[in-house]
């Protein structure tokens, strides 16, 4: 999974190589900080009626989540999480299986 860490600059004596490093960093910055690329797809999550706790494994607070690929008609909405750095807590209106993209 991509990381939110900035690209490390290598110390070199060549002015041209420093310019190349700066150009690469500037080009890749929008990609490396994109939350979609730093998200996690959790497939085949079984949901019960009511509250469901999902461990997201991002190692940071999640920003938001998207859900889809339902096995049955179901409405899902967010509930307060006891620890947003570890869990997404959702309420489901029906028993089903779904995929979550946690950002």
C-alpha atoms as a PDB file:
ATOM      1  CA  UNK A   1       0.000   0.000   0.000  1.00  0.00           C
ATOM      2  CA  UNK A   2       1.324   3.485  -0.783  1.00  0.00           C
ATOM      3  CA  UNK A   3       2.519   5.620   2.063  1.00  0.00           C
ATOM      4  CA  UNK A   4       1.770   9.225   3.015  1.00  0.00           C
ATOM      5  CA  UNK A   5       5.457   9.803   3.756  1.00  0.00           C
ATOM      6  CA  UNK A   6       7.163  12.369   1.507  1.00  0.00           C
ATOM      7  CA  UNK A   7       9.846  11.146  -0.838  1.00  0.00           C
ATOM      8  CA  UNK A   8      13.240  11.108   0.807  1.00  0.00           C
ATOM      9  CA  UNK A   9      15.822  13.361  -0.797  1.00  0.00           C
ATOM     10  CA  UNK A  10      19.265  11.866  -1.286  1.00  0.00           C
ATOM     11  CA  UNK A  11      22.159  14.234  -0.657  1.00  0.00           C
ATOM     12  CA  UNK A  12      24.283  14.539  -3.768  1.00  0.00           C
ATOM     13  CA  UNK A  13      26.808  17.107  -4.913  1.00  0.00           C
ATOM     14  CA  UNK A  14      25.418  17.376  -8.454  1.00  0.00           C
ATOM     15  CA  UNK A  15      23.121  20.358  -9.012  1.00  0.00           C
ATOM     16  CA  UNK A  16      21.457  18.535 -11.930  1.00  0.00           C
ATOM     17  CA  UNK A  17      20.635  15.482  -9.817  1.00  0.00           C
ATOM     18  CA  UNK A  18      19.143  17.732  -7.138  1.00  0.00           C
ATOM     19  CA  UNK A  19      16.917  19.317  -9.800  1.00  0.00           C
ATOM     20  CA  UNK A  20      15.832  15.864 -11.020  1.00  0.00           C
ATOM     21  CA  UNK A  21      14.959  14.833  -7.456  1.00  0.00           C
ATOM     22  CA  UNK A  22      12.961  18.024  -6.935  1.00  0.00           C
ATOM     23  CA  UNK A  23      11.086  17.516 -10.213  1.00  0.00           C
ATOM     24  CA  UNK A  24      10.237  13.900  -9.343  1.00  0.00           C
ATOM     25  CA  UNK A  25       9.065  14.886  -5.857  1.00  0.00           C
ATOM     26  CA  UNK A  26       6.874  17.685  -7.272  1.00  0.00           C
ATOM     27  CA  UNK A  27       5.375  15.333  -9.869  1.00  0.00           C
ATOM     28  CA  UNK A  28       4.634  12.481  -7.465  1.00  0.00           C
ATOM     29  CA  UNK A  29       3.386  14.539  -4.506  1.00  0.00           C
ATOM     30  CA  UNK A  30      -0.281  14.647  -5.647  1.00  0.00           C
ATOM     31  CA  UNK A  31      -0.211  10.870  -6.076  1.00  0.00           C
ATOM     32  CA  UNK A  32       1.481  10.026  -2.773  1.00  0.00           C
ATOM     33  CA  UNK A  33      -0.956  12.112  -0.705  1.00  0.00           C
ATOM     34  CA  UNK A  34      -4.114  10.910  -2.507  1.00  0.00           C
ATOM     35  CA  UNK A  35      -6.341   9.267   0.150  1.00  0.00           C
ATOM     36  CA  UNK A  36      -7.903   6.889  -2.374  1.00  0.00           C
ATOM     37  CA  UNK A  37      -4.503   5.382  -3.121  1.00  0.00           C
ATOM     38  CA  UNK A  38      -3.797   5.157   0.603  1.00  0.00           C
ATOM     39  CA  UNK A  39      -7.083   3.446   1.408  1.00  0.00           C
ATOM     40  CA  UNK A  40      -7.860  -0.191   2.047  1.00  0.00           C
ATOM     41  CA  UNK A  41     -10.379  -2.389   0.261  1.00  0.00           C
ATOM     42  CA  UNK A  42     -12.007  -4.858   2.647  1.00  0.00           C
ATOM     43  CA  UNK A  43     -13.984  -7.422   0.685  1.00  0.00           C
ATOM     44  CA  UNK A  44     -16.756  -9.799   1.701  1.00  0.00           C
ATOM     45  CA  UNK A  45     -17.601  -8.145   5.033  1.00  0.00           C
ATOM     46  CA  UNK A  46     -20.527  -9.963   6.671  1.00  0.00           C
ATOM     47  CA  UNK A  47     -23.051  -7.484   8.085  1.00  0.00           C
ATOM     48  CA  UNK A  48     -25.707  -8.258  10.674  1.00  0.00           C
ATOM     49  CA  UNK A  49     -28.794  -6.163  11.336  1.00  0.00           C
ATOM     50  CA  UNK A  50     -27.744  -3.334  13.663  1.00  0.00           C
ATOM     51  CA  UNK A  51     -24.263  -2.296  14.739  1.00  0.00           C
ATOM     52  CA  UNK A  52     -21.216  -3.821  13.012  1.00  0.00           C
ATOM     53  CA  UNK A  53     -17.571  -3.124  13.892  1.00  0.00           C
ATOM     54  CA  UNK A  54     -15.044  -3.427  11.066  1.00  0.00           C
ATOM     55  CA  UNK A  55     -11.288  -3.370  11.682  1.00  0.00           C
ATOM     56  CA  UNK A  56      -9.756  -1.288   8.870  1.00  0.00           C
ATOM     57  CA  UNK A  57      -6.015  -1.768   9.464  1.00  0.00           C
ATOM     58  CA  UNK A  58      -4.972   1.627   8.063  1.00  0.00           C
ATOM     59  CA  UNK A  59      -2.743   2.463  10.993  1.00  0.00           C
ATOM     60  CA  UNK A  60      -4.275   5.947  11.132  1.00  0.00           C
ATOM     61  CA  UNK A  61      -7.682   7.575  11.567  1.00  0.00           C
ATOM     62  CA  UNK A  62      -9.942   6.832   8.645  1.00  0.00           C
ATOM     63  CA  UNK A  63     -11.280   9.794   6.650  1.00  0.00           C
ATOM     64  CA  UNK A  64     -14.416   8.168   5.270  1.00  0.00           C
ATOM     65  CA  UNK A  65     -15.603   4.907   3.792  1.00  0.00           C
ATOM     66  CA  UNK A  66     -17.504   3.717   0.738  1.00  0.00           C
ATOM     67  CA  UNK A  67     -19.584   0.561   0.602  1.00  0.00           C
ATOM     68  CA  UNK A  68     -20.851  -1.458  -2.332  1.00  0.00           C
ATOM     69  CA  UNK A  69     -21.220  -4.859  -3.958  1.00  0.00           C
ATOM     70  CA  UNK A  70     -24.057  -5.827  -1.606  1.00  0.00           C
ATOM     71  CA  UNK A  71     -25.312  -9.411  -1.584  1.00  0.00           C
ATOM     72  CA  UNK A  72     -28.829  -8.153  -0.649  1.00  0.00           C
ATOM     73  CA  UNK A  73     -30.786  -4.904  -0.383  1.00  0.00           C
ATOM     74  CA  UNK A  74     -29.361  -3.059   2.609  1.00  0.00           C
ATOM     75  CA  UNK A  75     -28.923   0.464   3.947  1.00  0.00           C
ATOM     76  CA  UNK A  76     -25.668   1.180   5.773  1.00  0.00           C
ATOM     77  CA  UNK A  77     -24.820   4.283   7.769  1.00  0.00           C
ATOM     78  CA  UNK A  78     -22.023   5.435  10.037  1.00  0.00           C
ATOM     79  CA  UNK A  79     -22.061   5.073  13.828  1.00  0.00           C
ATOM     80  CA  UNK A  80     -19.590   6.508  16.336  1.00  0.00           C
ATOM     81  CA  UNK A  81     -16.400   4.458  16.482  1.00  0.00           C
ATOM     82  CA  UNK A  82     -14.659   3.821  19.823  1.00  0.00           C
ATOM     83  CA  UNK A  83     -11.307   4.196  18.022  1.00  0.00           C
ATOM     84  CA  UNK A  84     -11.275   5.681  14.501  1.00  0.00           C
ATOM     85  CA  UNK A  85      -7.622   4.693  14.126  1.00  0.00           C
ATOM     86  CA  UNK A  86      -8.672   1.025  14.206  1.00  0.00           C
ATOM     87  CA  UNK A  87     -12.398   0.605  13.537  1.00  0.00           C
ATOM     88  CA  UNK A  88     -15.277   1.682  11.351  1.00  0.00           C
ATOM     89  CA  UNK A  89     -18.640   1.119  13.024  1.00  0.00           C
ATOM     90  CA  UNK A  90     -21.719   0.966  10.810  1.00  0.00           C
ATOM     91  CA  UNK A  91     -25.378   0.150  11.169  1.00  0.00           C
ATOM     92  CA  UNK A  92     -26.931  -2.201   8.617  1.00  0.00           C
ATOM     93  CA  UNK A  93     -30.640  -2.552   7.906  1.00  0.00           C
ATOM     94  CA  UNK A  94     -30.389  -6.168   6.716  1.00  0.00           C
ATOM     95  CA  UNK A  95     -28.168  -9.224   6.835  1.00  0.00           C
ATOM     96  CA  UNK A  96     -25.812  -9.138   3.839  1.00  0.00           C
ATOM     97  CA  UNK A  97     -22.215  -9.226   2.661  1.00  0.00           C
ATOM     98  CA  UNK A  98     -20.591  -6.069   1.271  1.00  0.00           C
ATOM     99  CA  UNK A  99     -17.227  -4.590   0.270  1.00  0.00           C
ATOM    100  CA  UNK A 100     -15.818  -1.504   2.032  1.00  0.00           C
ATOM    101  CA  UNK A 101     -13.227   0.942   0.749  1.00  0.00           C
ATOM    102  CA  UNK A 102     -11.898   2.731   3.825  1.00  0.00           C
ATOM    103  CA  UNK A 103      -9.987   5.944   3.174  1.00  0.00           C
END
